[in-house]
Amino acid sequence: MRDHSKLKVFELADRLVLLIYAETGLFPATERYGLQSQIRRAAISIVANIVEGCARSSQAEYLRFMEIAYGSARELQYEIGLSAKLGFLNPQSASQLDHECTSIAKALNGLLRSLHRK
C-alpha cells in the first residue's frame, strides 16, 4: 500500500483545503449552497482522491484516482477565477489560491506522466 502522507502533492492539497475554507467563509450567505459549496467540494475531492487512490492495491486504480484528483484541481482553478470575477474573492486571495491550485495540478500531472510510463 502507498502512504498518501508521504506525497508532496497530498501536503499541498491538504493545505489548500484549509485556505479554501478560510477564504470561502467570507462568501455571501446566498452562495452557501452554490459556489461556496462547490469550491469546497472540489478542494476536498482533490485530497480525498489522492488518499483513496493510495489505498487502492492496483496501479490502474491508483492512476484513475490521481486522474480524478487532477480533474478536480482544474475544476477548482476555474471556480476560483469565477469567484474573483463575481467579487467573492479579492484579487490577492484569488491569486494565492490559483497559485496553490496550479502547483497541485502540476504535481499531479507529473505524477500521472510518471505512472503512465510504467
N, C-alpha and C. Protein backbone atom coordinates (compact mmCIF):
# COMPACT_ATOMS: atom_id res chain seq x y z
N MET A 1 0.83 -1.19 0.00
CA MET A 1 0.00 0.00 0.00
C MET A 1 0.89 1.26 0.00
N ARG A 2 0.36 2.28 -0.58
CA ARG A 2 1.07 3.56 -0.65
C ARG A 2 0.66 4.44 0.54
N ASP A 3 1.57 5.24 1.02
CA ASP A 3 1.29 6.14 2.13
C ASP A 3 1.07 7.55 1.58
N HIS A 4 -0.19 7.98 1.55
CA HIS A 4 -0.51 9.29 0.98
C HIS A 4 0.21 10.43 1.69
N SER A 5 0.46 10.26 2.98
CA SER A 5 1.07 11.35 3.75
C SER A 5 2.52 11.61 3.34
N LYS A 6 3.12 10.71 2.58
CA LYS A 6 4.49 10.90 2.10
C LYS A 6 4.56 11.60 0.75
N LEU A 7 3.39 11.85 0.14
CA LEU A 7 3.35 12.54 -1.14
C LEU A 7 3.31 14.05 -0.94
N LYS A 8 4.20 14.74 -1.61
CA LYS A 8 4.22 16.21 -1.54
C LYS A 8 2.89 16.79 -2.02
N VAL A 9 2.31 16.19 -3.05
CA VAL A 9 1.05 16.69 -3.58
C VAL A 9 -0.07 16.58 -2.54
N PHE A 10 -0.01 15.57 -1.69
CA PHE A 10 -1.00 15.46 -0.61
C PHE A 10 -0.87 16.64 0.34
N GLU A 11 0.36 16.96 0.72
CA GLU A 11 0.60 18.09 1.63
C GLU A 11 0.08 19.39 1.03
N LEU A 12 0.36 19.61 -0.25
CA LEU A 12 -0.10 20.82 -0.94
C LEU A 12 -1.62 20.89 -0.97
N ALA A 13 -2.26 19.78 -1.31
CA ALA A 13 -3.72 19.74 -1.42
C ALA A 13 -4.38 19.89 -0.06
N ASP A 14 -3.80 19.30 0.96
CA ASP A 14 -4.33 19.41 2.31
C ASP A 14 -4.28 20.87 2.79
N ARG A 15 -3.18 21.54 2.51
CA ARG A 15 -3.04 22.96 2.88
C ARG A 15 -4.05 23.81 2.11
N LEU A 16 -4.26 23.47 0.85
CA LEU A 16 -5.20 24.24 0.03
C LEU A 16 -6.62 24.14 0.59
N VAL A 17 -7.03 22.99 1.06
CA VAL A 17 -8.37 22.85 1.64
C VAL A 17 -8.56 23.84 2.79
N LEU A 18 -7.56 23.97 3.63
CA LEU A 18 -7.67 24.90 4.76
C LEU A 18 -7.77 26.35 4.27
N LEU A 19 -6.99 26.69 3.26
CA LEU A 19 -7.07 28.03 2.68
C LEU A 19 -8.43 28.29 2.04
N ILE A 20 -8.93 27.30 1.33
CA ILE A 20 -10.23 27.43 0.67
C ILE A 20 -11.33 27.66 1.71
N TYR A 21 -11.32 26.90 2.78
CA TYR A 21 -12.34 27.08 3.81
C TYR A 21 -12.26 28.48 4.43
N ALA A 22 -11.06 28.96 4.68
CA ALA A 22 -10.90 30.29 5.26
C ALA A 22 -11.42 31.37 4.32
N GLU A 23 -11.06 31.28 3.05
CA GLU A 23 -11.45 32.32 2.09
C GLU A 23 -12.93 32.25 1.71
N THR A 24 -13.47 31.05 1.57
CA THR A 24 -14.87 30.95 1.17
C THR A 24 -15.82 31.20 2.33
N GLY A 25 -15.30 31.23 3.53
CA GLY A 25 -16.12 31.58 4.69
C GLY A 25 -16.62 33.01 4.61
N LEU A 26 -15.97 33.81 3.77
CA LEU A 26 -16.36 35.22 3.60
C LEU A 26 -17.34 35.42 2.45
N PHE A 27 -17.73 34.35 1.77
CA PHE A 27 -18.68 34.46 0.66
C PHE A 27 -20.05 34.91 1.19
N PRO A 28 -20.85 35.51 0.33
CA PRO A 28 -22.19 35.90 0.76
C PRO A 28 -23.03 34.67 1.15
N ALA A 29 -23.95 34.87 2.06
CA ALA A 29 -24.80 33.77 2.52
C ALA A 29 -25.58 33.14 1.38
N THR A 30 -25.88 33.92 0.35
CA THR A 30 -26.63 33.38 -0.80
C THR A 30 -25.83 32.33 -1.56
N GLU A 31 -24.52 32.26 -1.35
CA GLU A 31 -23.67 31.29 -2.04
C GLU A 31 -23.38 30.05 -1.21
N ARG A 32 -23.98 29.97 -0.04
CA ARG A 32 -23.72 28.84 0.86
C ARG A 32 -23.94 27.50 0.16
N TYR A 33 -24.99 27.39 -0.63
CA TYR A 33 -25.28 26.13 -1.32
C TYR A 33 -24.94 26.19 -2.80
N GLY A 34 -24.28 27.24 -3.19
CA GLY A 34 -23.89 27.42 -4.59
C GLY A 34 -22.40 27.29 -4.75
N LEU A 35 -21.78 28.39 -5.16
CA LEU A 35 -20.35 28.38 -5.48
C LEU A 35 -19.49 28.06 -4.26
N GLN A 36 -19.85 28.55 -3.09
CA GLN A 36 -19.07 28.25 -1.88
C GLN A 36 -19.00 26.74 -1.66
N SER A 37 -20.13 26.08 -1.74
CA SER A 37 -20.19 24.64 -1.53
C SER A 37 -19.42 23.90 -2.62
N GLN A 38 -19.57 24.34 -3.86
CA GLN A 38 -18.90 23.67 -4.98
C GLN A 38 -17.38 23.79 -4.87
N ILE A 39 -16.90 24.97 -4.50
CA ILE A 39 -15.46 25.17 -4.35
C ILE A 39 -14.91 24.27 -3.24
N ARG A 40 -15.61 24.23 -2.14
CA ARG A 40 -15.16 23.39 -1.03
C ARG A 40 -15.15 21.92 -1.42
N ARG A 41 -16.18 21.48 -2.11
CA ARG A 41 -16.23 20.07 -2.55
C ARG A 41 -15.09 19.74 -3.50
N ALA A 42 -14.80 20.65 -4.43
CA ALA A 42 -13.72 20.40 -5.39
C ALA A 42 -12.37 20.30 -4.67
N ALA A 43 -12.14 21.19 -3.70
CA ALA A 43 -10.88 21.17 -2.95
C ALA A 43 -10.75 19.87 -2.16
N ILE A 44 -11.83 19.47 -1.50
CA ILE A 44 -11.80 18.22 -0.73
C ILE A 44 -11.64 17.03 -1.67
N SER A 45 -12.24 17.09 -2.84
CA SER A 45 -12.15 16.00 -3.80
C SER A 45 -10.71 15.73 -4.20
N ILE A 46 -9.92 16.77 -4.33
CA ILE A 46 -8.51 16.58 -4.69
C ILE A 46 -7.84 15.70 -3.65
N VAL A 47 -7.94 16.11 -2.39
CA VAL A 47 -7.28 15.38 -1.30
C VAL A 47 -7.88 13.98 -1.13
N ALA A 48 -9.20 13.90 -1.15
CA ALA A 48 -9.86 12.61 -0.93
C ALA A 48 -9.47 11.60 -2.01
N ASN A 49 -9.35 12.03 -3.24
CA ASN A 49 -8.98 11.11 -4.31
C ASN A 49 -7.52 10.69 -4.22
N ILE A 50 -6.66 11.59 -3.75
CA ILE A 50 -5.26 11.20 -3.52
C ILE A 50 -5.20 10.12 -2.44
N VAL A 51 -5.91 10.34 -1.35
CA VAL A 51 -5.92 9.38 -0.24
C VAL A 51 -6.51 8.05 -0.69
N GLU A 52 -7.67 8.11 -1.36
CA GLU A 52 -8.31 6.88 -1.79
C GLU A 52 -7.47 6.14 -2.83
N GLY A 53 -6.86 6.87 -3.75
CA GLY A 53 -6.00 6.24 -4.74
C GLY A 53 -4.84 5.50 -4.10
N CYS A 54 -4.26 6.11 -3.10
CA CYS A 54 -3.13 5.47 -2.41
C CYS A 54 -3.56 4.20 -1.67
N ALA A 55 -4.83 4.13 -1.31
CA ALA A 55 -5.33 2.96 -0.59
C ALA A 55 -5.68 1.80 -1.52
N ARG A 56 -5.71 2.06 -2.80
CA ARG A 56 -6.05 1.01 -3.78
C ARG A 56 -4.83 0.13 -4.07
N SER A 57 -5.10 -1.13 -4.32
CA SER A 57 -3.99 -2.07 -4.50
C SER A 57 -3.46 -2.10 -5.92
N SER A 58 -4.30 -1.82 -6.90
CA SER A 58 -3.81 -1.93 -8.28
C SER A 58 -3.29 -0.58 -8.79
N GLN A 59 -2.33 -0.67 -9.66
CA GLN A 59 -1.75 0.52 -10.29
C GLN A 59 -2.80 1.26 -11.12
N ALA A 60 -3.67 0.49 -11.79
CA ALA A 60 -4.71 1.10 -12.64
C ALA A 60 -5.68 1.93 -11.80
N GLU A 61 -6.07 1.42 -10.64
CA GLU A 61 -6.97 2.16 -9.76
C GLU A 61 -6.27 3.40 -9.20
N TYR A 62 -5.03 3.24 -8.81
CA TYR A 62 -4.24 4.37 -8.31
C TYR A 62 -4.20 5.47 -9.36
N LEU A 63 -3.91 5.10 -10.58
CA LEU A 63 -3.86 6.05 -11.69
C LEU A 63 -5.21 6.73 -11.89
N ARG A 64 -6.29 5.96 -11.85
CA ARG A 64 -7.63 6.51 -12.05
C ARG A 64 -7.96 7.57 -11.00
N PHE A 65 -7.64 7.31 -9.74
CA PHE A 65 -7.94 8.28 -8.69
C PHE A 65 -7.06 9.52 -8.79
N MET A 66 -5.83 9.35 -9.24
CA MET A 66 -4.97 10.53 -9.43
C MET A 66 -5.50 11.38 -10.60
N GLU A 67 -6.05 10.73 -11.61
CA GLU A 67 -6.66 11.48 -12.72
C GLU A 67 -7.89 12.26 -12.25
N ILE A 68 -8.68 11.65 -11.38
CA ILE A 68 -9.85 12.35 -10.84
C ILE A 68 -9.39 13.54 -9.99
N ALA A 69 -8.35 13.36 -9.21
CA ALA A 69 -7.81 14.45 -8.39
C ALA A 69 -7.35 15.60 -9.28
N TYR A 70 -6.68 15.25 -10.38
CA TYR A 70 -6.22 16.27 -11.33
C TYR A 70 -7.42 17.03 -11.92
N GLY A 71 -8.45 16.31 -12.30
CA GLY A 71 -9.66 16.95 -12.83
C GLY A 71 -10.29 17.89 -11.81
N SER A 72 -10.30 17.50 -10.57
CA SER A 72 -10.85 18.35 -9.51
C SER A 72 -10.00 19.61 -9.31
N ALA A 73 -8.69 19.46 -9.45
CA ALA A 73 -7.80 20.62 -9.33
C ALA A 73 -8.07 21.63 -10.44
N ARG A 74 -8.27 21.14 -11.65
CA ARG A 74 -8.57 22.03 -12.77
C ARG A 74 -9.94 22.69 -12.61
N GLU A 75 -10.91 21.92 -12.12
CA GLU A 75 -12.23 22.47 -11.84
C GLU A 75 -12.12 23.60 -10.82
N LEU A 76 -11.36 23.35 -9.77
CA LEU A 76 -11.19 24.34 -8.72
C LEU A 76 -10.55 25.62 -9.25
N GLN A 77 -9.60 25.49 -10.15
CA GLN A 77 -8.98 26.67 -10.74
C GLN A 77 -10.02 27.55 -11.42
N TYR A 78 -10.92 26.93 -12.16
CA TYR A 78 -11.98 27.71 -12.81
C TYR A 78 -12.87 28.39 -11.77
N GLU A 79 -13.25 27.66 -10.75
CA GLU A 79 -14.15 28.21 -9.74
C GLU A 79 -13.51 29.35 -8.96
N ILE A 80 -12.22 29.28 -8.75
CA ILE A 80 -11.51 30.38 -8.09
C ILE A 80 -11.57 31.62 -8.97
N GLY A 81 -11.28 31.45 -10.25
CA GLY A 81 -11.35 32.58 -11.18
C GLY A 81 -12.74 33.17 -11.27
N LEU A 82 -13.74 32.33 -11.31
CA LEU A 82 -15.12 32.80 -11.35
C LEU A 82 -15.48 33.57 -10.09
N SER A 83 -15.04 33.08 -8.95
CA SER A 83 -15.31 33.75 -7.68
C SER A 83 -14.68 35.14 -7.65
N ALA A 84 -13.51 35.26 -8.24
CA ALA A 84 -12.85 36.58 -8.31
C ALA A 84 -13.64 37.50 -9.23
N LYS A 85 -14.07 36.99 -10.38
CA LYS A 85 -14.84 37.80 -11.32
C LYS A 85 -16.15 38.29 -10.72
N LEU A 86 -16.74 37.46 -9.87
CA LEU A 86 -18.00 37.81 -9.23
C LEU A 86 -17.81 38.70 -8.00
N GLY A 87 -16.55 38.91 -7.62
CA GLY A 87 -16.25 39.76 -6.47
C GLY A 87 -16.35 39.06 -5.13
N PHE A 88 -16.41 37.74 -5.13
CA PHE A 88 -16.48 36.99 -3.88
C PHE A 88 -15.10 36.80 -3.26
N LEU A 89 -14.06 36.83 -4.09
CA LEU A 89 -12.68 36.75 -3.62
C LEU A 89 -11.95 38.01 -4.04
N ASN A 90 -11.15 38.55 -3.13
CA ASN A 90 -10.35 39.70 -3.54
C ASN A 90 -9.22 39.22 -4.44
N PRO A 91 -8.67 40.10 -5.26
CA PRO A 91 -7.65 39.69 -6.23
C PRO A 91 -6.44 38.99 -5.60
N GLN A 92 -6.00 39.46 -4.44
CA GLN A 92 -4.83 38.85 -3.80
C GLN A 92 -5.13 37.41 -3.36
N SER A 93 -6.29 37.22 -2.75
CA SER A 93 -6.67 35.87 -2.31
C SER A 93 -6.84 34.94 -3.50
N ALA A 94 -7.51 35.43 -4.54
CA ALA A 94 -7.72 34.62 -5.73
C ALA A 94 -6.38 34.23 -6.35
N SER A 95 -5.45 35.16 -6.39
CA SER A 95 -4.13 34.89 -6.97
C SER A 95 -3.39 33.83 -6.15
N GLN A 96 -3.44 33.94 -4.83
CA GLN A 96 -2.77 32.96 -3.97
C GLN A 96 -3.40 31.58 -4.14
N LEU A 97 -4.72 31.51 -4.13
CA LEU A 97 -5.40 30.23 -4.29
C LEU A 97 -5.12 29.62 -5.66
N ASP A 98 -5.13 30.46 -6.69
CA ASP A 98 -4.84 29.97 -8.04
C ASP A 98 -3.41 29.43 -8.11
N HIS A 99 -2.48 30.13 -7.49
CA HIS A 99 -1.08 29.68 -7.47
C HIS A 99 -0.97 28.31 -6.79
N GLU A 100 -1.62 28.18 -5.64
CA GLU A 100 -1.60 26.90 -4.91
C GLU A 100 -2.21 25.78 -5.76
N CYS A 101 -3.32 26.09 -6.40
CA CYS A 101 -4.01 25.11 -7.23
C CYS A 101 -3.16 24.72 -8.44
N THR A 102 -2.49 25.68 -9.04
CA THR A 102 -1.60 25.40 -10.18
C THR A 102 -0.46 24.49 -9.75
N SER A 103 0.09 24.72 -8.57
CA SER A 103 1.17 23.86 -8.06
C SER A 103 0.69 22.43 -7.90
N ILE A 104 -0.52 22.27 -7.39
CA ILE A 104 -1.08 20.93 -7.20
C ILE A 104 -1.32 20.26 -8.56
N ALA A 105 -1.90 21.00 -9.50
CA ALA A 105 -2.17 20.44 -10.83
C ALA A 105 -0.87 20.02 -11.51
N LYS A 106 0.18 20.82 -11.38
CA LYS A 106 1.47 20.46 -11.97
C LYS A 106 2.05 19.21 -11.31
N ALA A 107 1.95 19.14 -9.99
CA ALA A 107 2.47 17.96 -9.28
C ALA A 107 1.70 16.71 -9.67
N LEU A 108 0.38 16.82 -9.76
CA LEU A 108 -0.42 15.67 -10.18
C LEU A 108 -0.13 15.28 -11.62
N ASN A 109 0.04 16.26 -12.48
CA ASN A 109 0.36 15.99 -13.87
C ASN A 109 1.69 15.25 -13.98
N GLY A 110 2.67 15.67 -13.22
CA GLY A 110 3.97 14.98 -13.21
C GLY A 110 3.85 13.56 -12.71
N LEU A 111 3.06 13.37 -11.66
CA LEU A 111 2.84 12.03 -11.13
C LEU A 111 2.13 11.16 -12.16
N LEU A 112 1.13 11.72 -12.83
CA LEU A 112 0.39 10.98 -13.85
C LEU A 112 1.31 10.57 -15.02
N ARG A 113 2.16 11.50 -15.46
CA ARG A 113 3.09 11.18 -16.55
C ARG A 113 4.00 10.03 -16.14
N SER A 114 4.47 10.09 -14.90
CA SER A 114 5.34 9.04 -14.39
C SER A 114 4.61 7.69 -14.32
N LEU A 115 3.37 7.72 -13.88
CA LEU A 115 2.59 6.48 -13.77
C LEU A 115 2.27 5.89 -15.15
N HIS A 116 2.02 6.75 -16.12
CA HIS A 116 1.72 6.28 -17.47
C HIS A 116 2.94 5.62 -18.13
N ARG A 117 4.14 6.05 -17.75
CA ARG A 117 5.35 5.46 -18.32
C ARG A 117 5.61 4.05 -17.80
N LYS A 118 5.07 3.74 -16.64
CA LYS A 118 5.33 2.42 -16.02
C LYS A 118 4.53 1.33 -16.69
